Protein backbone atom coordinates (compact mmCIF):
# COMPACT_ATOMS: atom_id res chain seq x y z
CA MET A 1 19.47 50.87 10.03
CA THR A 2 16.28 53.06 9.28
CA ALA A 3 15.68 56.72 11.16
CA GLU A 4 12.64 54.91 12.62
CA GLU A 5 14.43 52.25 14.39
CA ILE A 6 17.38 55.04 15.42
CA GLU A 7 15.16 56.94 16.95
CA ILE A 8 13.19 54.16 18.94
CA LEU A 9 16.54 52.94 20.23
CA THR A 10 17.70 56.45 20.83
CA ARG A 11 14.64 57.70 22.77
CA ARG A 12 15.30 55.64 25.47
CA LEU A 13 18.76 56.56 26.45
CA THR A 14 18.38 59.39 29.99
CA PRO A 15 20.54 61.52 29.50
CA ARG A 16 21.01 61.20 25.89
CA PRO A 17 25.04 60.48 24.85
CA GLN A 18 27.17 63.08 22.98
CA SER A 19 27.48 61.19 20.30
CA ILE A 20 25.77 57.89 19.27
CA ASN A 21 26.36 55.42 15.72
CA PHE A 22 23.97 52.81 15.49
CA ARG A 23 25.34 50.26 12.77
CA ASP A 24 23.46 47.04 11.00
CA GLY A 25 24.49 43.88 11.64
CA ALA A 26 23.32 40.80 13.75
CA GLU A 27 23.00 41.60 17.83
CA PHE A 28 25.20 41.26 20.23
CA LEU A 29 23.54 38.61 22.82
CA LEU A 30 24.16 39.67 26.42
CA LYS A 31 23.83 35.99 28.29
CA ASP A 32 25.65 33.88 30.27
CA GLY A 33 29.38 33.42 28.92
CA CYS A 34 29.03 36.37 26.47
CA PRO A 35 32.18 38.35 26.04
CA VAL A 36 32.72 41.58 27.77
CA THR A 37 35.47 43.81 27.89
CA VAL A 38 36.65 46.47 30.06
CA GLU A 39 39.51 48.71 29.75
CA VAL A 40 40.50 50.81 32.54
CA THR A 41 43.53 52.65 33.84
CA VAL A 42 43.75 50.63 36.93
CA LYS A 43 41.53 47.71 36.93
CA THR A 44 41.98 46.30 41.12
CA GLY A 45 38.17 45.81 42.13
CA ILE A 46 36.70 46.14 38.73
CA ARG A 47 35.45 42.74 38.25
CA GLN A 48 33.99 42.15 41.07
CA LYS A 49 31.64 45.13 40.58
CA LEU A 50 31.32 44.11 37.47
CA THR A 51 30.04 40.89 38.20
CA ALA A 52 27.62 42.51 40.55
CA LEU A 53 26.19 44.76 38.07
CA CYS A 54 25.49 41.90 35.16
CA LYS A 55 23.73 39.84 38.01
CA GLN A 56 21.80 42.81 39.17
CA TYR A 57 20.71 44.23 35.58
CA TRP A 58 20.36 41.25 33.40
CA ASN A 59 20.42 38.29 35.73
CA ILE A 60 23.84 37.17 33.57
CA ALA A 61 27.59 36.08 34.40
CA PRO A 62 29.39 36.84 31.46
CA GLU A 63 32.72 36.03 30.60
CA LEU A 64 34.57 39.49 31.72
CA THR A 65 38.14 41.02 30.06
CA VAL A 66 39.21 43.49 32.40
CA LYS A 67 42.43 45.39 31.75
CA GLU A 68 44.51 48.47 31.98
CA SER A 69 45.04 50.68 28.82
CA ALA A 70 46.32 53.58 27.51
CA ALA A 71 43.04 54.84 25.89
CA ALA A 72 41.36 54.40 29.31
CA LYS A 73 44.02 57.18 30.35
CA LYS A 74 42.95 59.43 27.53
CA CYS A 75 39.01 59.45 28.89
CA LYS A 76 37.62 62.62 30.84
CA PRO A 77 36.53 61.90 34.17
CA GLU A 78 32.74 60.27 34.19
CA ALA A 79 32.99 60.01 30.35
CA TYR A 80 32.94 56.30 28.61
CA GLN A 81 33.26 54.88 25.12
CA ILE A 82 30.90 51.55 24.56
CA ASP A 83 31.64 49.57 21.31
CA ILE A 84 29.19 46.47 20.63
CA SER A 85 29.34 44.18 17.59
CA ALA A 86 27.58 40.82 17.26
CA GLU A 87 30.96 39.50 19.05
CA GLN A 88 31.74 41.17 21.35
CA LEU A 89 30.89 44.39 24.03
CA ASN A 90 33.72 46.58 24.31
CA ILE A 91 33.95 49.87 27.22
CA THR A 92 36.63 52.36 27.79
CA ALA A 93 36.93 54.42 30.33
CA LYS A 94 39.32 56.04 33.23
CA ASN A 95 37.84 54.63 36.17
CA TRP A 96 34.59 52.53 37.81
CA GLN A 97 32.52 55.99 37.25
CA GLY A 98 32.90 56.00 33.59
CA VAL A 99 32.28 52.16 33.96
CA ALA A 100 29.10 52.59 36.02
CA ASN A 101 27.78 54.95 33.74
CA ALA A 102 28.47 53.15 30.47
CA PHE A 103 26.35 50.57 32.21
CA LYS A 104 23.32 52.84 33.10
CA THR A 105 23.07 53.58 29.35
CA LEU A 106 23.56 49.92 28.70
CA ARG A 107 20.95 49.15 30.74
CA GLN A 108 18.59 51.67 29.19
CA LEU A 109 19.30 50.30 25.45
CA ALA A 110 19.06 46.54 26.40
CA GLU A 111 15.86 45.12 25.43
CA ALA A 112 14.69 41.50 26.23
CA ILE A 113 14.85 38.56 23.83
CA ARG A 114 11.41 37.92 21.83
CA GLY A 115 9.63 34.55 21.75
CA THR A 116 9.48 33.31 25.26
CA GLU A 117 7.28 33.60 27.62
CA LYS A 118 10.11 34.65 30.24
CA VAL A 119 13.27 36.09 29.92
CA THR A 120 16.43 34.07 28.59
CA GLY A 121 18.43 36.97 27.67
CA TYR A 122 18.92 40.87 26.20
CA ILE A 123 20.14 42.39 22.83
CA LEU A 124 22.38 45.13 22.06
CA VAL A 125 22.00 46.36 18.84
CA PRO A 126 25.70 47.14 16.78
CA CYS A 127 27.04 50.67 17.78
CA ARG A 128 29.39 52.98 18.99
CA ILE A 129 28.97 55.44 21.45
CA LYS A 130 30.96 57.97 23.05
CA ASP A 131 30.02 60.13 25.92
CA TYR A 132 30.96 62.29 29.19
CA PRO A 133 29.40 65.10 30.87
CA ALA A 134 28.66 68.68 30.15
CA MET A 135 28.95 69.64 33.76
CA PRO A 136 31.15 68.76 36.37
CA PHE A 137 27.93 69.44 38.91
CA ARG A 138 25.04 68.10 38.53
CA GLY A 139 22.42 67.74 41.14
CA LEU A 140 18.93 67.15 42.33
CA HIS A 141 17.55 68.97 45.37
CA ILE A 142 15.02 66.62 47.25
CA CYS A 143 12.70 67.55 49.67
CA ILE A 144 11.99 65.27 52.75
CA PHE A 145 8.86 66.52 54.18
CA PRO A 146 7.06 64.88 57.32
CA GLU A 147 4.81 63.31 54.66
CA THR A 148 7.61 61.48 53.05
CA PRO A 149 8.57 58.37 53.44
CA LEU A 150 11.87 57.42 53.15
CA TRP A 151 11.21 54.36 50.65
CA ASP A 152 10.44 57.23 48.15
CA VAL A 153 13.55 59.72 49.06
CA GLU A 154 15.13 56.35 48.07
CA LYS A 155 13.51 56.25 44.57
CA GLN A 156 14.47 59.62 43.97
CA ILE A 157 18.18 58.92 44.85
CA ARG A 158 18.61 55.75 42.99
CA LEU A 159 16.54 57.44 39.74
CA ALA A 160 19.14 60.51 40.15
CA ALA A 161 22.12 58.15 40.14
CA TYR A 162 20.70 56.14 36.88
CA TYR A 163 20.41 59.53 35.33
CA LYS A 164 23.81 60.20 35.73
CA TYR A 165 23.38 62.69 38.59
CA ASN A 166 26.13 62.79 40.93
CA TYR A 167 25.14 65.20 43.61
CA ALA A 168 21.41 65.00 45.81
CA VAL A 169 20.79 68.11 47.99
CA ILE A 170 18.45 66.22 50.92
CA GLU A 171 16.38 69.35 52.48
CA CYS A 172 15.08 67.96 55.93
CA TRP A 173 11.75 69.89 56.33
CA GLY A 174 11.87 69.84 60.39
CA ASN A 175 11.64 66.52 60.99
CA PHE A 176 14.98 65.75 61.35
CA PRO A 177 15.77 64.30 65.20
CA PHE A 178 18.81 66.38 66.35
CA GLU A 179 20.79 64.62 69.52
CA SER A 180 22.33 68.42 70.06
CA HIS A 181 19.29 70.04 69.90
CA PRO A 182 15.82 67.92 69.53
CA GLU A 183 13.73 70.66 70.48
CA ILE A 184 14.46 71.43 66.66
CA CYS A 185 12.21 68.97 65.03
CA TRP A 186 8.40 68.02 65.06
CA GLY A 187 7.60 66.51 68.20
CA ASP A 188 5.51 64.23 66.39
CA ARG A 189 6.67 63.84 62.93
CA LYS A 190 10.58 62.55 63.08
CA LEU A 191 12.49 60.47 60.36
CA ASP A 192 14.36 57.44 60.79
CA LYS A 193 17.96 58.12 61.06
CA LYS A 194 18.95 54.60 60.54
CA GLU A 195 17.40 54.77 57.29
CA LEU A 196 18.70 58.21 56.48
CA LYS A 197 22.05 56.88 56.99
CA ARG A 198 21.66 53.81 54.50
CA LEU A 199 20.57 55.87 51.99
CA ILE A 200 23.72 58.45 52.04
CA LYS A 201 25.82 55.04 51.82
CA LEU A 202 23.86 54.10 49.26
CA GLY A 203 24.47 57.01 47.53
CA LYS A 204 28.26 56.37 47.66
CA GLU A 205 27.88 53.14 46.29
CA LEU A 206 25.57 54.57 43.37
CA GLY A 207 28.14 57.28 42.38
CA ILE A 208 25.68 60.14 43.92
CA THR A 209 27.39 62.15 47.22
CA LEU A 210 24.12 63.46 49.65
CA ILE A 211 24.52 67.00 50.28
CA PRO A 212 22.82 68.08 53.52
CA GLN A 213 20.97 71.48 53.70
CA PHE A 214 19.66 73.41 56.85
CA ASN A 215 18.62 77.28 56.44
CA LEU A 216 20.52 79.66 58.10
CA LEU A 217 18.86 82.35 57.31
CA GLY A 218 14.86 82.84 55.86
CA HIS A 219 12.67 79.16 55.99
CA ALA A 220 13.30 79.22 59.65
CA ALA A 221 10.05 77.42 60.08
CA GLY A 222 11.10 74.14 59.05
CA ALA A 223 8.11 74.14 56.81
CA ARG A 224 6.30 75.93 53.64
CA SER A 225 4.86 79.51 53.87
CA ILE A 226 1.35 79.21 52.72
CA THR A 227 0.83 76.08 55.55
CA ALA A 228 1.08 78.65 58.34
CA LYS A 229 3.20 75.90 60.17
CA HIS A 230 6.18 75.99 62.41
CA ALA A 231 8.41 72.92 63.04
CA ILE A 232 9.48 74.63 66.43
CA LEU A 233 7.19 77.14 67.29
CA ASP A 234 3.91 75.56 66.95
CA TYR A 235 4.62 72.99 69.69
CA GLN A 236 7.51 75.44 71.78
CA PRO A 237 6.41 78.54 72.14
CA GLU A 238 9.04 79.88 74.32
CA LEU A 239 11.75 79.43 71.79
CA GLN A 240 10.49 82.92 70.39
CA PRO A 241 13.91 84.71 70.97
CA LEU A 242 15.33 81.90 68.35
CA PHE A 243 13.55 83.82 65.78
CA GLU A 244 12.90 87.16 64.50
CA PRO A 245 8.83 88.47 65.88
CA GLU A 246 7.22 86.32 62.65
CA GLY A 247 9.28 82.90 63.11
CA TRP A 248 10.25 83.13 59.68
CA THR A 249 13.79 84.08 60.03
CA TRP A 250 16.82 83.44 62.63
CA CYS A 251 17.30 86.30 64.79
CA LEU A 252 21.45 87.04 63.93
CA THR A 253 21.80 89.16 66.92
CA ASN A 254 21.12 86.39 69.56
CA PRO A 255 24.15 84.15 70.66
CA ALA A 256 22.23 81.27 71.47
CA THR A 257 20.96 81.08 67.60
CA ARG A 258 24.70 81.10 66.13
CA GLN A 259 25.37 78.57 69.02
CA LEU A 260 22.32 76.30 68.44
CA LEU A 261 23.01 76.80 64.29
CA THR A 262 26.56 75.31 64.85
CA ASP A 263 25.57 72.47 66.86
CA ILE A 264 23.09 71.57 64.19
CA VAL A 265 25.28 72.31 61.36
CA LEU A 266 28.12 69.90 62.85
CA GLU A 267 25.59 67.43 63.58
CA LEU A 268 24.38 67.28 60.00
CA TYR A 269 27.90 67.72 58.78
CA GLU A 270 29.21 64.43 60.72
CA PHE A 271 26.03 62.57 60.00
CA PHE A 272 26.46 62.76 55.99
CA GLU A 273 29.98 61.67 56.07
CA LYS A 274 31.72 65.10 56.13
CA PRO A 275 30.87 66.12 52.44
CA PRO A 276 32.73 68.40 50.03
CA PHE A 277 29.51 70.77 50.04
CA PHE A 278 26.77 72.25 52.66
CA HIS A 279 23.81 74.06 51.23
CA ILE A 280 23.01 76.99 53.61
CA GLY A 281 19.89 78.25 52.43
CA CYS A 282 19.54 81.86 52.68
CA ASP A 283 16.86 83.02 50.10
CA GLU A 284 13.68 84.56 50.91
CA ALA A 285 14.34 86.08 54.39
CA HIS A 286 11.76 88.69 54.19
CA ASP A 287 11.67 89.47 57.65
CA ALA A 288 15.14 89.63 58.33
CA GLY A 289 16.73 92.40 61.03
CA SER A 290 13.11 93.14 61.91
CA CYS A 291 13.05 92.33 65.85
CA PHE A 292 13.80 95.63 68.22
CA GLU A 293 17.14 94.17 68.67
CA CYS A 294 18.10 93.58 65.37
CA ARG A 295 16.78 96.84 63.99
CA LYS A 296 19.65 98.46 65.64
CA HIS A 297 21.99 97.18 63.40
CA GLU A 298 22.66 97.75 60.00
CA LEU A 299 21.27 94.20 58.47
CA LYS A 300 23.92 93.86 55.58
CA ASP A 301 26.67 93.64 58.57
CA LEU A 302 24.44 91.05 60.14
CA ILE A 303 24.43 88.81 57.57
CA ARG A 304 27.65 89.50 56.17
CA GLU A 305 28.73 88.29 59.49
CA HIS A 306 26.61 85.82 60.26
CA ILE A 307 27.74 84.19 56.57
CA LEU A 308 31.28 84.43 56.92
CA TYR A 309 31.14 82.31 60.55
CA PHE A 310 30.07 79.32 58.88
CA HIS A 311 31.82 79.67 56.11
CA ASP A 312 35.12 79.69 58.13
CA LEU A 313 33.59 76.74 60.50
CA PHE A 314 33.19 74.74 57.10
CA LYS A 315 36.19 76.10 55.35
CA LYS A 316 38.16 74.68 58.34
CA ARG A 317 36.80 71.40 57.51
CA LYS A 318 37.49 71.40 53.58
CA THR A 319 33.54 72.17 53.13
CA ARG A 320 32.30 74.50 50.44
CA LEU A 321 28.89 76.32 50.93
CA ILE A 322 26.04 76.87 48.76
CA MET A 323 23.85 79.18 49.05
CA TRP A 324 21.10 80.94 47.04
CA HIS A 325 21.52 84.05 44.98
CA ASP A 326 18.27 86.34 45.69
CA MET A 327 19.30 87.85 48.56
CA LEU A 328 21.95 89.34 47.25
CA LEU A 329 20.04 90.99 44.50
CA GLU A 330 17.93 93.89 45.04
CA MET A 331 13.94 93.31 43.33
CA GLU A 332 14.06 96.86 42.17
CA ASP A 333 17.20 97.12 40.72
CA GLU A 334 16.08 97.09 36.29
CA ARG A 335 19.05 94.41 35.95
CA TRP A 336 16.96 91.81 37.06
CA GLN A 337 13.49 92.81 36.23
CA GLY A 338 11.51 89.53 34.90
CA TYR A 339 14.42 87.15 37.18
CA ILE A 340 14.27 86.18 40.87
CA ALA A 341 15.86 88.57 42.88
CA CYS A 342 14.38 89.03 46.50
CA ALA A 343 16.68 91.56 48.73
CA ALA A 344 14.01 95.35 49.26
CA LYS A 345 16.46 98.06 48.42
CA LYS A 346 15.91 99.67 51.78
CA HIS A 347 17.72 96.83 53.27
CA HIS A 348 21.21 97.97 51.72
CA LEU A 349 21.99 94.52 50.50
CA SER A 350 23.20 95.14 46.63
CA THR A 351 26.93 95.21 47.58
CA LEU A 352 26.98 92.44 50.28
CA TYR A 353 28.51 89.81 47.53
CA LYS A 354 31.49 92.05 47.09
CA GLU A 355 32.43 90.85 50.96
CA LEU A 356 31.73 87.37 50.60
CA PRO A 357 34.41 84.72 49.86
CA LYS A 358 34.79 83.73 46.57
CA ASP A 359 34.18 79.65 46.93
CA ILE A 360 30.90 80.09 47.96
CA ILE A 361 29.16 78.46 45.55
CA ILE A 362 26.01 80.56 44.04
CA ALA A 363 22.73 78.41 43.44
CA ASP A 364 21.25 80.86 41.05
CA TRP A 365 17.22 80.01 41.35
CA GLN A 366 15.28 81.04 38.22
CA TYR A 367 12.24 78.89 37.26
CA PHE A 368 9.79 81.08 34.99
CA TYR A 369 9.99 83.07 32.21
CA ASP A 370 7.45 83.89 29.01
CA PHE A 371 8.54 83.08 26.20
CA LYS A 372 5.38 83.52 24.26
CA ASN A 373 5.92 87.32 24.44
CA ARG A 374 9.77 87.95 25.24
CA GLU A 375 13.05 87.74 23.45
CA THR A 376 15.23 84.44 24.46
CA PRO A 377 16.36 84.71 27.90
CA ALA A 378 19.77 86.49 28.87
CA TRP A 379 19.53 84.93 32.23
CA PRO A 380 21.35 87.76 33.49
CA THR A 381 21.80 87.15 37.43
CA ALA A 382 24.23 83.60 36.32
CA LYS A 383 26.55 85.45 34.46
CA PHE A 384 26.37 88.66 36.88
CA PHE A 385 27.80 86.07 39.54
CA LYS A 386 30.16 84.44 37.28
CA LYS A 387 31.50 87.70 36.25
CA GLU A 388 32.11 88.65 40.35
CA LYS A 389 34.41 85.20 40.12
CA PHE A 390 32.00 82.89 42.02
CA ASP A 391 30.74 79.31 40.87
CA VAL A 392 27.44 79.34 39.91
CA LEU A 393 24.62 76.32 39.75
CA THR A 394 22.04 77.59 37.72
CA CYS A 395 18.36 76.09 39.51
CA PRO A 396 15.49 75.80 37.40
CA TRP A 397 12.06 73.70 38.70
CA LYS A 398 9.18 72.40 36.59
CA ASP A 399 9.64 74.12 33.74
CA SER A 400 10.97 72.16 31.03
CA PRO A 401 11.52 75.18 28.36
CA VAL A 402 13.35 77.16 31.27
CA ILE A 403 15.08 74.17 32.22
CA GLU A 404 16.57 73.09 28.43
CA SER A 405 17.47 77.08 28.22
CA LEU A 406 19.22 77.07 31.35
CA GLY A 407 20.96 73.82 30.25
CA ASN A 408 22.35 75.49 27.36
CA MET A 409 23.31 78.79 28.98
CA ALA A 410 25.16 77.25 31.51
CA GLU A 411 27.12 75.01 28.96
CA LYS A 412 27.83 78.16 26.96
CA GLU A 413 29.08 80.17 30.14
CA LYS A 414 31.16 77.58 31.59
CA LEU A 415 29.12 77.26 34.88
CA MET A 416 29.97 75.00 37.28
CA GLY A 417 26.35 72.94 36.86
CA MET A 418 22.71 72.76 38.05
CA LEU A 419 20.67 71.92 40.52
CA GLU A 420 17.42 70.89 39.67
CA THR A 421 15.00 71.48 42.40
CA THR A 422 11.57 69.56 42.93
CA TRP A 423 10.45 71.04 46.23
CA HIS A 424 6.54 69.58 46.72
CA ILE A 425 6.19 68.22 42.82
CA SER A 426 8.59 65.01 42.45
CA HIS A 427 5.60 62.54 41.83
CA THR A 428 3.56 61.59 38.17
CA ARG A 429 4.12 63.70 35.31
CA ASP A 430 6.06 66.63 37.51
CA SER A 431 8.86 63.92 37.73
CA LEU A 432 9.13 63.82 34.07
CA ASN A 433 9.65 67.63 33.59
CA THR A 434 11.92 68.18 36.48
CA ILE A 435 14.53 64.89 36.80
CA LEU A 436 14.40 63.53 33.57
CA CYS A 437 14.38 66.93 31.65
CA ALA A 438 17.34 68.16 33.84
CA ALA A 439 19.03 65.34 33.08
CA HIS A 440 19.31 65.94 29.79
CA ALA A 441 19.83 69.66 30.41
CA SER A 442 22.56 68.96 32.92
CA TRP A 443 24.53 65.96 30.53
CA ASN A 444 23.83 67.42 27.34
CA PRO A 445 22.21 70.47 26.65
CA ALA A 446 23.05 70.41 22.88
CA ILE A 447 20.65 68.14 22.19
CA SER A 448 17.20 69.97 22.42
CA GLN A 449 14.46 68.66 24.51
CA LYS A 450 11.41 69.40 22.93
CA GLU A 451 11.22 65.70 21.11
CA TYR A 452 10.87 64.96 24.50
CA TYR A 453 7.52 66.05 25.58
CA THR A 454 5.41 63.72 23.66
CA GLU A 455 3.25 60.90 25.23
CA ILE A 456 5.35 58.31 24.40
CA ILE A 457 8.42 59.84 26.56
CA PHE A 458 6.28 59.12 29.42
CA ILE A 459 5.86 55.52 29.12
CA VAL A 460 9.99 55.39 28.48
CA PHE A 461 10.31 57.44 31.39
CA SER A 462 8.10 54.54 33.34
CA MET A 463 10.27 51.67 32.40
CA HIS A 464 13.00 53.57 34.35
CA ILE A 465 11.21 53.72 37.22
CA ARG A 466 10.41 50.30 36.61
CA HIS A 467 14.28 49.68 37.05
CA ILE A 468 14.51 51.27 39.90
CA ILE A 469 11.35 49.14 41.63
CA TRP A 470 13.36 46.08 40.52
CA ASP A 471 16.39 47.39 42.15
CA MET A 472 14.68 47.89 45.40
CA LYS A 473 12.97 44.21 45.30
CA ILE A 474 9.39 46.27 45.42
CA ARG A 475 6.73 44.23 45.92
CA GLU A 476 4.16 46.66 47.17
CA TYR A 477 1.38 48.63 44.96
CA GLU A 478 1.78 52.03 46.97
CA LYS A 479 5.63 51.51 46.31
CA THR A 480 5.74 51.66 42.70
CA GLY A 481 5.33 54.09 39.88
CA THR A 482 5.52 58.15 40.73
CA ALA A 483 2.88 57.93 43.10
CA GLN A 484 1.09 55.77 45.87
CA TYR A 485 -1.97 55.53 43.99
CA GLN A 486 -3.33 56.30 40.66
CA VAL A 487 -6.73 57.97 41.66
CA ASP A 488 -6.23 61.67 42.37
CA PRO A 489 -3.08 61.60 43.51
CA GLY A 490 -2.04 65.29 43.49
CA HIS A 491 0.95 66.72 44.62
CA HIS A 492 1.35 65.39 48.06
CA PRO A 493 0.63 61.10 47.59
CA HIS A 494 1.61 60.28 50.36
CA GLN A 495 -0.37 58.79 53.16
CA VAL A 496 0.04 59.28 56.81
CA SER A 497 -1.68 56.99 59.24
């Protein structure tokens, strides 16, 4: 097999496997009755899932052999091995999660048999693939704005699962209709809870756990600051005492605030079916402690007691908190120059981390770096929190060199993983620079991604989007691709009637 052929086949795979060796020889035909052997630790329930997956991916009914083996017991969680010859397709994995990952790779590698108008089957070239994730936590942060239809969220969840992410943080921006507090929601922009519940269950089926996020400090407006909108106060000014005077941060001295937030987070916890993690935000609280009552207290004491309260609330439920890192680091500190740190020196928050439980997961968001005029980034903030015995998630955004660099650092430092953020740019080419790039960086960061920054990769990415479209059985033009419309889709492609 030539180097060009190997490149053509390899570039189809997202994320790139740890080891893949293509061989010469006749192709394996994915058709009705083709022999497929799957080795696992416990085979109960595997056959039924395999039958459904083969029907979904290739519309075939293979001759399945499912057996338990010693080789499967040696596999790491989520890992798999694929062996393909002209006569046989063999898959070895510890459990269903690994088998499902193998089938995702096979779907990307398979191509339809040529020479006919319609599909008669697919081919797989002979090869051996050994694969496993570099990080235990591979997450995608998905925002649901009032403008975001839930079918679009489903596309993002399905694509994340297809790219072997295992977590998705779901942040609703002022549009979750709480039963406990219906006032904490845009009055005319409520999402469909039944549909969101379906997506939570779908995520579990696809192998991706949905994690709720609700901001318990800054971002209390439930809206992007540049829009000057406020999900609660725009319609209900009588609720001003719950917030600092500017409305951006919750008022931490008001007991009504804590009771309301307790009701809200527990409702989300139950709605998301008791997830193992809960994201409490806590970033960019620029006006924290500014009201006449909060000014009487040390801000560090207020924030510490606030976080400890919710930590203990969730610890009783065996759920770990995730929080953004930036309010724990002073922006004036020379150690963090060139990196994200948002606490003002006057607030005396630089030692707050010492008083927080070590089972809180620190989500360290670092979005940009000037690679042209500076040395290779040290990413000191993540290393700092790791040294202080916290589990750390590195959290890039849309800058692909930053994503790649953070992935390499996270693997080298043995961090907990990566949480890729998307915010308002999860469409068009931006989606390539977020979800695809981070899929490589969190699964196999040892492979440089620079080769991916070409036009052909967006075409490959488009094919993967098409797989998701087929799975969703979409038939509406606006729901295909990565944007609703081809002409000037912008960063907010969704039209609201």
